[in-house]
PDB file of N, CA and C in Angstrom:
ATOM      1  N   UNK A   1       0.817  -1.183   0.000  1.00  0.00           N
ATOM      2  CA  UNK A   1       0.000   0.000   0.000  1.00  0.00           C
ATOM      3  C   UNK A   1       0.869   1.258   0.000  1.00  0.00           C
ATOM      4  N   UNK A   2       1.978   1.202   0.712  1.00  0.00           N
ATOM      5  CA  UNK A   2       2.887   2.346   0.783  1.00  0.00           C
ATOM      6  C   UNK A   2       3.411   2.716  -0.605  1.00  0.00           C
ATOM      7  N   UNK A   3       3.671   1.723  -1.440  1.00  0.00           N
ATOM      8  CA  UNK A   3       4.150   1.987  -2.789  1.00  0.00           C
ATOM      9  C   UNK A   3       3.089   2.685  -3.634  1.00  0.00           C
ATOM     10  N   UNK A   4       1.822   2.291  -3.456  1.00  0.00           N
ATOM     11  CA  UNK A   4       0.737   2.924  -4.193  1.00  0.00           C
ATOM     12  C   UNK A   4       0.590   4.382  -3.787  1.00  0.00           C
ATOM     13  N   UNK A   5       0.648   4.648  -2.497  1.00  0.00           N
ATOM     14  CA  UNK A   5       0.564   6.021  -1.997  1.00  0.00           C
ATOM     15  C   UNK A   5       1.720   6.840  -2.564  1.00  0.00           C
ATOM     16  N   UNK A   6       2.909   6.271  -2.548  1.00  0.00           N
ATOM     17  CA  UNK A   6       4.087   6.979  -3.054  1.00  0.00           C
ATOM     18  C   UNK A   6       3.943   7.326  -4.528  1.00  0.00           C
ATOM     19  N   UNK A   7       3.464   6.397  -5.324  1.00  0.00           N
ATOM     20  CA  UNK A   7       3.341   6.670  -6.758  1.00  0.00           C
ATOM     21  C   UNK A   7       2.321   7.768  -7.037  1.00  0.00           C
ATOM     22  N   UNK A   8       1.245   7.810  -6.289  1.00  0.00           N
ATOM     23  CA  UNK A   8       0.237   8.859  -6.465  1.00  0.00           C
ATOM     24  C   UNK A   8       0.787  10.204  -6.028  1.00  0.00           C
ATOM     25  N   UNK A   9       1.392  10.254  -4.858  1.00  0.00           N
ATOM     26  CA  UNK A   9       1.898  11.516  -4.316  1.00  0.00           C
ATOM     27  C   UNK A   9       3.009  12.083  -5.189  1.00  0.00           C
ATOM     28  N   UNK A  10       3.891  11.245  -5.692  1.00  0.00           N
ATOM     29  CA  UNK A  10       4.981  11.722  -6.550  1.00  0.00           C
ATOM     30  C   UNK A  10       4.443  12.413  -7.805  1.00  0.00           C
ATOM     31  N   UNK A  11       3.319  11.959  -8.317  1.00  0.00           N
ATOM     32  CA  UNK A  11       2.731  12.579  -9.507  1.00  0.00           C
ATOM     33  C   UNK A  11       2.035  13.909  -9.185  1.00  0.00           C
ATOM     34  N   UNK A  12       1.640  14.106  -7.948  1.00  0.00           N
ATOM     35  CA  UNK A  12       0.906  15.312  -7.571  1.00  0.00           C
ATOM     36  C   UNK A  12       1.805  16.509  -7.265  1.00  0.00           C
ATOM     37  N   UNK A  13       2.974  16.255  -6.732  1.00  0.00           N
ATOM     38  CA  UNK A  13       3.822  17.339  -6.234  1.00  0.00           C
ATOM     39  C   UNK A  13       4.829  17.809  -7.270  1.00  0.00           C
ATOM     40  N   UNK A  14       5.345  19.019  -7.073  1.00  0.00           N
ATOM     41  CA  UNK A  14       6.342  19.553  -8.000  1.00  0.00           C
ATOM     42  C   UNK A  14       7.762  19.173  -7.595  1.00  0.00           C
ATOM     43  N   UNK A  15       7.949  18.766  -6.346  1.00  0.00           N
ATOM     44  CA  UNK A  15       9.274  18.350  -5.861  1.00  0.00           C
ATOM     45  C   UNK A  15       9.195  16.919  -5.309  1.00  0.00           C
ATOM     46  N   UNK A  16       9.132  15.928  -6.204  1.00  0.00           N
ATOM     47  CA  UNK A  16       8.965  14.541  -5.741  1.00  0.00           C
ATOM     48  C   UNK A  16      10.143  14.017  -4.923  1.00  0.00           C
ATOM     49  N   UNK A  17      11.316  14.619  -5.077  1.00  0.00           N
ATOM     50  CA  UNK A  17      12.469  14.166  -4.292  1.00  0.00           C
ATOM     51  C   UNK A  17      12.319  14.481  -2.811  1.00  0.00           C
ATOM     52  N   UNK A  18      11.461  15.442  -2.474  1.00  0.00           N
ATOM     53  CA  UNK A  18      11.258  15.834  -1.081  1.00  0.00           C
ATOM     54  C   UNK A  18      10.192  14.985  -0.379  1.00  0.00           C
ATOM     55  N   UNK A  19       9.536  14.094  -1.117  1.00  0.00           N
ATOM     56  CA  UNK A  19       8.467  13.274  -0.542  1.00  0.00           C
ATOM     57  C   UNK A  19       9.058  12.120   0.255  1.00  0.00           C
ATOM     58  N   UNK A  20       8.545  11.966   1.475  1.00  0.00           N
ATOM     59  CA  UNK A  20       8.936  10.837   2.323  1.00  0.00           C
ATOM     60  C   UNK A  20       7.661  10.228   2.886  1.00  0.00           C
ATOM     61  N   UNK A  21       7.536   8.931   2.743  1.00  0.00           N
ATOM     62  CA  UNK A  21       6.354   8.230   3.239  1.00  0.00           C
ATOM     63  C   UNK A  21       6.821   7.128   4.171  1.00  0.00           C
ATOM     64  N   UNK A  22       6.231   7.105   5.365  1.00  0.00           N
ATOM     65  CA  UNK A  22       6.606   6.063   6.316  1.00  0.00           C
ATOM     66  C   UNK A  22       5.383   5.594   7.086  1.00  0.00           C
ATOM     67  N   UNK A  23       5.439   4.365   7.536  1.00  0.00           N
ATOM     68  CA  UNK A  23       4.383   3.825   8.370  1.00  0.00           C
ATOM     69  C   UNK A  23       4.765   4.151   9.806  1.00  0.00           C
ATOM     70  N   UNK A  24       3.979   5.009  10.459  1.00  0.00           N
ATOM     71  CA  UNK A  24       4.336   5.470  11.791  1.00  0.00           C
ATOM     72  C   UNK A  24       3.671   4.661  12.887  1.00  0.00           C
ATOM     73  N   UNK A  25       2.592   3.995  12.584  1.00  0.00           N
ATOM     74  CA  UNK A  25       1.913   3.160  13.566  1.00  0.00           C
ATOM     75  C   UNK A  25       1.156   2.096  12.808  1.00  0.00           C
ATOM     76  N   UNK A  26       0.848   1.057  13.498  1.00  0.00           N
ATOM     77  CA  UNK A  26       0.058   0.042  12.825  1.00  0.00           C
ATOM     78  C   UNK A  26      -0.061  -1.226  13.632  1.00  0.00           C
ATOM     79  N   UNK A  27      -1.157  -1.892  13.433  1.00  0.00           N
ATOM     80  CA  UNK A  27      -1.370  -3.210  13.985  1.00  0.00           C
ATOM     81  C   UNK A  27      -2.210  -3.968  12.965  1.00  0.00           C
ATOM     82  N   UNK A  28      -2.866  -5.005  13.385  1.00  0.00           N
ATOM     83  CA  UNK A  28      -3.631  -5.812  12.442  1.00  0.00           C
ATOM     84  C   UNK A  28      -4.807  -5.049  11.840  1.00  0.00           C
ATOM     85  N   UNK A  29      -5.377  -4.104  12.599  1.00  0.00           N
ATOM     86  CA  UNK A  29      -6.581  -3.417  12.138  1.00  0.00           C
ATOM     87  C   UNK A  29      -6.354  -1.987  11.670  1.00  0.00           C
ATOM     88  N   UNK A  30      -5.354  -1.302  12.188  1.00  0.00           N
ATOM     89  CA  UNK A  30      -5.160   0.117  11.899  1.00  0.00           C
ATOM     90  C   UNK A  30      -3.722   0.394  11.462  1.00  0.00           C
ATOM     91  N   UNK A  31      -3.586   1.104  10.338  1.00  0.00           N
ATOM     92  CA  UNK A  31      -2.275   1.483   9.832  1.00  0.00           C
ATOM     93  C   UNK A  31      -2.281   2.993   9.637  1.00  0.00           C
ATOM     94  N   UNK A  32      -1.222   3.671  10.108  1.00  0.00           N
ATOM     95  CA  UNK A  32      -1.090   5.112   9.942  1.00  0.00           C
ATOM     96  C   UNK A  32       0.171   5.381   9.126  1.00  0.00           C
ATOM     97  N   UNK A  33      -0.017   6.104   8.022  1.00  0.00           N
ATOM     98  CA  UNK A  33       1.099   6.499   7.171  1.00  0.00           C
ATOM     99  C   UNK A  33       1.343   7.986   7.322  1.00  0.00           C
ATOM    100  N   UNK A  34       2.595   8.372   7.363  1.00  0.00           N
ATOM    101  CA  UNK A  34       2.973   9.772   7.418  1.00  0.00           C
ATOM    102  C   UNK A  34       3.614  10.150   6.090  1.00  0.00           C
ATOM    103  N   UNK A  35       3.071  11.210   5.476  1.00  0.00           N
ATOM    104  CA  UNK A  35       3.606  11.710   4.215  1.00  0.00           C
ATOM    105  C   UNK A  35       4.215  13.073   4.491  1.00  0.00           C
ATOM    106  N   UNK A  36       5.482  13.220   4.187  1.00  0.00           N
ATOM    107  CA  UNK A  36       6.170  14.493   4.361  1.00  0.00           C
ATOM    108  C   UNK A  36       6.458  15.068   2.983  1.00  0.00           C
ATOM    109  N   UNK A  37       6.054  16.335   2.777  1.00  0.00           N
ATOM    110  CA  UNK A  37       6.267  16.995   1.487  1.00  0.00           C
ATOM    111  C   UNK A  37       6.897  18.358   1.713  1.00  0.00           C
ATOM    112  N   UNK A  38       7.437  18.929   0.655  1.00  0.00           N
ATOM    113  CA  UNK A  38       7.967  20.285   0.701  1.00  0.00           C
ATOM    114  C   UNK A  38       6.806  21.232   1.029  1.00  0.00           C
ATOM    115  N   UNK A  39       7.046  22.281   1.831  1.00  0.00           N
ATOM    116  CA  UNK A  39       5.953  23.203   2.183  1.00  0.00           C
ATOM    117  C   UNK A  39       5.243  23.798   0.971  1.00  0.00           C
ATOM    118  N   UNK A  40       5.947  23.994  -0.117  1.00  0.00           N
ATOM    119  CA  UNK A  40       5.314  24.559  -1.310  1.00  0.00           C
ATOM    120  C   UNK A  40       4.375  23.560  -1.992  1.00  0.00           C
ATOM    121  N   UNK A  41       4.475  22.284  -1.663  1.00  0.00           N
ATOM    122  CA  UNK A  41       3.617  21.263  -2.263  1.00  0.00           C
ATOM    123  C   UNK A  41       2.423  20.880  -1.397  1.00  0.00           C
ATOM    124  N   UNK A  42       2.311  21.453  -0.217  1.00  0.00           N
ATOM    125  CA  UNK A  42       1.201  21.121   0.673  1.00  0.00           C
ATOM    126  C   UNK A  42      -0.139  21.381  -0.005  1.00  0.00           C
ATOM    127  N   UNK A  43      -0.265  22.527  -0.662  1.00  0.00           N
ATOM    128  CA  UNK A  43      -1.509  22.872  -1.334  1.00  0.00           C
ATOM    129  C   UNK A  43      -1.842  21.922  -2.469  1.00  0.00           C
ATOM    130  N   UNK A  44      -0.837  21.462  -3.175  1.00  0.00           N
ATOM    131  CA  UNK A  44      -1.063  20.513  -4.274  1.00  0.00           C
ATOM    132  C   UNK A  44      -1.577  19.187  -3.733  1.00  0.00           C
ATOM    133  N   UNK A  45      -1.069  18.768  -2.600  1.00  0.00           N
ATOM    134  CA  UNK A  45      -1.472  17.494  -2.025  1.00  0.00           C
ATOM    135  C   UNK A  45      -2.861  17.578  -1.395  1.00  0.00           C
ATOM    136  N   UNK A  46      -3.169  18.681  -0.741  1.00  0.00           N
ATOM    137  CA  UNK A  46      -4.475  18.838  -0.117  1.00  0.00           C
ATOM    138  C   UNK A  46      -5.534  19.155  -1.172  1.00  0.00           C
ATOM    139  N   UNK A  47      -5.205  20.039  -2.113  1.00  0.00           N
ATOM    140  CA  UNK A  47      -6.129  20.381  -3.188  1.00  0.00           C
ATOM    141  C   UNK A  47      -7.140  21.429  -2.768  1.00  0.00           C
ATOM    142  N   UNK A  48      -7.821  21.981  -3.746  1.00  0.00           N
ATOM    143  CA  UNK A  48      -8.819  23.017  -3.500  1.00  0.00           C
ATOM    144  C   UNK A  48      -9.989  22.423  -2.721  1.00  0.00           C
ATOM    145  N   UNK A  49     -10.229  22.984  -1.573  1.00  0.00           N
ATOM    146  CA  UNK A  49     -11.309  22.476  -0.730  1.00  0.00           C
ATOM    147  C   UNK A  49     -11.067  21.071  -0.209  1.00  0.00           C
ATOM    148  N   UNK A  50      -9.828  20.608  -0.270  1.00  0.00           N
ATOM    149  CA  UNK A  50      -9.493  19.271   0.212  1.00  0.00           C
ATOM    150  C   UNK A  50      -9.851  18.152  -0.757  1.00  0.00           C
ATOM    151  N   UNK A  51     -10.160  18.522  -2.010  1.00  0.00           N
ATOM    152  CA  UNK A  51     -10.624  17.523  -2.984  1.00  0.00           C
ATOM    153  C   UNK A  51      -9.566  16.460  -3.285  1.00  0.00           C
ATOM    154  N   UNK A  52      -8.326  16.861  -3.436  1.00  0.00           N
ATOM    155  CA  UNK A  52      -7.267  15.896  -3.751  1.00  0.00           C
ATOM    156  C   UNK A  52      -7.028  14.965  -2.566  1.00  0.00           C
ATOM    157  N   UNK A  53      -6.992  15.529  -1.373  1.00  0.00           N
ATOM    158  CA  UNK A  53      -6.805  14.715  -0.166  1.00  0.00           C
ATOM    159  C   UNK A  53      -7.963  13.731  -0.002  1.00  0.00           C
ATOM    160  N   UNK A  54      -9.166  14.182  -0.279  1.00  0.00           N
ATOM    161  CA  UNK A  54     -10.336  13.311  -0.161  1.00  0.00           C
ATOM    162  C   UNK A  54     -10.245  12.151  -1.159  1.00  0.00           C
ATOM    163  N   UNK A  55      -9.820  12.444  -2.388  1.00  0.00           N
ATOM    164  CA  UNK A  55      -9.679  11.392  -3.399  1.00  0.00           C
ATOM    165  C   UNK A  55      -8.605  10.379  -2.991  1.00  0.00           C
ATOM    166  N   UNK A  56      -7.481  10.879  -2.483  1.00  0.00           N
ATOM    167  CA  UNK A  56      -6.414   9.988  -2.025  1.00  0.00           C
ATOM    168  C   UNK A  56      -6.907   9.113  -0.876  1.00  0.00           C
ATOM    169  N   UNK A  57      -7.611   9.729   0.066  1.00  0.00           N
ATOM    170  CA  UNK A  57      -8.148   8.982   1.209  1.00  0.00           C
ATOM    171  C   UNK A  57      -9.129   7.900   0.738  1.00  0.00           C
ATOM    172  N   UNK A  58      -9.964   8.222  -0.240  1.00  0.00           N
ATOM    173  CA  UNK A  58     -10.929   7.260  -0.764  1.00  0.00           C
ATOM    174  C   UNK A  58     -10.229   6.061  -1.400  1.00  0.00           C
ATOM    175  N   UNK A  59      -9.208   6.323  -2.206  1.00  0.00           N
ATOM    176  CA  UNK A  59      -8.459   5.235  -2.836  1.00  0.00           C
ATOM    177  C   UNK A  59      -7.777   4.339  -1.807  1.00  0.00           C
ATOM    178  N   UNK A  60      -7.139   4.963  -0.838  1.00  0.00           N
ATOM    179  CA  UNK A  60      -6.402   4.195   0.167  1.00  0.00           C
ATOM    180  C   UNK A  60      -7.354   3.386   1.047  1.00  0.00           C
ATOM    181  N   UNK A  61      -8.468   3.975   1.432  1.00  0.00           N
ATOM    182  CA  UNK A  61      -9.431   3.236   2.255  1.00  0.00           C
ATOM    183  C   UNK A  61     -10.057   2.078   1.494  1.00  0.00           C
ATOM    184  N   UNK A  62     -10.308   2.259   0.199  1.00  0.00           N
ATOM    185  CA  UNK A  62     -10.856   1.161  -0.598  1.00  0.00           C
ATOM    186  C   UNK A  62      -9.869   0.003  -0.666  1.00  0.00           C
ATOM    187  N   UNK A  63      -8.609   0.325  -0.840  1.00  0.00           N
ATOM    188  CA  UNK A  63      -7.584  -0.719  -0.871  1.00  0.00           C
ATOM    189  C   UNK A  63      -7.454  -1.393   0.501  1.00  0.00           C
ATOM    190  N   UNK A  64      -7.557  -0.596   1.555  1.00  0.00           N
ATOM    191  CA  UNK A  64      -7.437  -1.143   2.910  1.00  0.00           C
ATOM    192  C   UNK A  64      -8.593  -2.083   3.232  1.00  0.00           C
ATOM    193  N   UNK A  65      -9.786  -1.770   2.732  1.00  0.00           N
ATOM    194  CA  UNK A  65     -10.943  -2.633   2.995  1.00  0.00           C
ATOM    195  C   UNK A  65     -10.728  -4.042   2.466  1.00  0.00           C
ATOM    196  N   UNK A  66     -10.026  -4.165   1.354  1.00  0.00           N
ATOM    197  CA  UNK A  66      -9.771  -5.507   0.815  1.00  0.00           C
ATOM    198  C   UNK A  66      -8.871  -6.313   1.740  1.00  0.00           C
ATOM    199  N   UNK A  67      -8.150  -5.609   2.623  1.00  0.00           N
ATOM    200  CA  UNK A  67      -7.253  -6.270   3.586  1.00  0.00           C
ATOM    201  C   UNK A  67      -7.822  -6.246   5.004  1.00  0.00           C
ATOM    202  N   UNK A  68      -9.074  -5.821   5.143  1.00  0.00           N
ATOM    203  CA  UNK A  68      -9.740  -5.709   6.454  1.00  0.00           C
ATOM    204  C   UNK A  68      -8.943  -4.830   7.413  1.00  0.00           C
ATOM    205  N   UNK A  69      -8.495  -3.681   6.916  1.00  0.00           N
ATOM    206  CA  UNK A  69      -7.732  -2.732   7.718  1.00  0.00           C
ATOM    207  C   UNK A  69      -8.391  -1.362   7.677  1.00  0.00           C
ATOM    208  N   UNK A  70      -8.012  -0.518   8.624  1.00  0.00           N
ATOM    209  CA  UNK A  70      -8.344   0.905   8.598  1.00  0.00           C
ATOM    210  C   UNK A  70      -7.034   1.646   8.395  1.00  0.00           C
ATOM    211  N   UNK A  71      -7.074   2.705   7.585  1.00  0.00           N
ATOM    212  CA  UNK A  71      -5.858   3.451   7.265  1.00  0.00           C
ATOM    213  C   UNK A  71      -6.098   4.937   7.496  1.00  0.00           C
ATOM    214  N   UNK A  72      -5.145   5.573   8.143  1.00  0.00           N
ATOM    215  CA  UNK A  72      -5.135   7.024   8.288  1.00  0.00           C
ATOM    216  C   UNK A  72      -3.870   7.544   7.633  1.00  0.00           C
ATOM    217  N   UNK A  73      -3.980   8.723   7.040  1.00  0.00           N
ATOM    218  CA  UNK A  73      -2.829   9.351   6.413  1.00  0.00           C
ATOM    219  C   UNK A  73      -2.602  10.698   7.066  1.00  0.00           C
ATOM    220  N   UNK A  74      -1.383  10.898   7.528  1.00  0.00           N
ATOM    221  CA  UNK A  74      -0.974  12.167   8.129  1.00  0.00           C
ATOM    222  C   UNK A  74      -0.023  12.841   7.155  1.00  0.00           C
ATOM    223  N   UNK A  75      -0.322  14.090   6.811  1.00  0.00           N
ATOM    224  CA  UNK A  75       0.525  14.835   5.880  1.00  0.00           C
ATOM    225  C   UNK A  75       1.263  15.903   6.664  1.00  0.00           C
ATOM    226  N   UNK A  76       2.578  15.937   6.526  1.00  0.00           N
ATOM    227  CA  UNK A  76       3.397  16.912   7.252  1.00  0.00           C
ATOM    228  C   UNK A  76       4.333  17.604   6.278  1.00  0.00           C
ATOM    229  N   UNK A  77       4.501  18.908   6.462  1.00  0.00           N
ATOM    230  CA  UNK A  77       5.492  19.627   5.660  1.00  0.00           C
ATOM    231  C   UNK A  77       6.746  19.783   6.506  1.00  0.00           C
ATOM    232  N   UNK A  78       7.838  20.127   5.867  1.00  0.00           N
ATOM    233  CA  UNK A  78       9.105  20.239   6.587  1.00  0.00           C
ATOM    234  C   UNK A  78       9.132  21.408   7.556  1.00  0.00           C
ATOM    235  N   UNK A  79       8.150  22.315   7.471  1.00  0.00           N
ATOM    236  CA  UNK A  79       8.101  23.425   8.417  1.00  0.00           C
ATOM    237  C   UNK A  79       7.276  23.102   9.655  1.00  0.00           C
ATOM    238  N   UNK A  80       6.852  21.830   9.781  1.00  0.00           N
ATOM    239  CA  UNK A  80       6.175  21.392  10.997  1.00  0.00           C
ATOM    240  C   UNK A  80       4.665  21.342  10.925  1.00  0.00           C
ATOM    241  N   UNK A  81       4.050  21.866   9.875  1.00  0.00           N
ATOM    242  CA  UNK A  81       2.589  21.802   9.765  1.00  0.00           C
ATOM    243  C   UNK A  81       2.148  20.371   9.500  1.00  0.00           C
ATOM    244  N   UNK A  82       1.016  19.964  10.086  1.00  0.00           N
ATOM    245  CA  UNK A  82       0.493  18.610   9.884  1.00  0.00           C
ATOM    246  C   UNK A  82      -0.992  18.693   9.591  1.00  0.00           C
ATOM    247  N   UNK A  83      -1.439  17.784   8.746  1.00  0.00           N
ATOM    248  CA  UNK A  83      -2.850  17.605   8.415  1.00  0.00           C
ATOM    249  C   UNK A  83      -3.122  16.110   8.434  1.00  0.00           C
ATOM    250  N   UNK A  84      -4.253  15.710   8.973  1.00  0.00           N
ATOM    251  CA  UNK A  84      -4.661  14.316   8.905  1.00  0.00           C
ATOM    252  C   UNK A  84      -5.765  14.244   7.865  1.00  0.00           C
ATOM    253  N   UNK A  85      -5.550  13.391   6.865  1.00  0.00           N
ATOM    254  CA  UNK A  85      -6.559  13.268   5.821  1.00  0.00           C
ATOM    255  C   UNK A  85      -7.166  11.883   5.835  1.00  0.00           C
TER     256      UNK A  85
END
């Protein structure tokens, strides 16, 4: 799942080299991924009105359902701002 998230996020941002994705928590039922992007790419990842983040969340949750898991995605920029999508 982490690879799928990475491939989507790399296509959305203007600085794909700054993207870091890691699994920060997880057990059999719940997995939390942290996505770190350049501060200038935060808006691209969240999207207008959160539309891009909502689409990403929908894709990831659909994939997680096939594995009987719940997934949360935390987006952080290098300046310390965080969003949970």
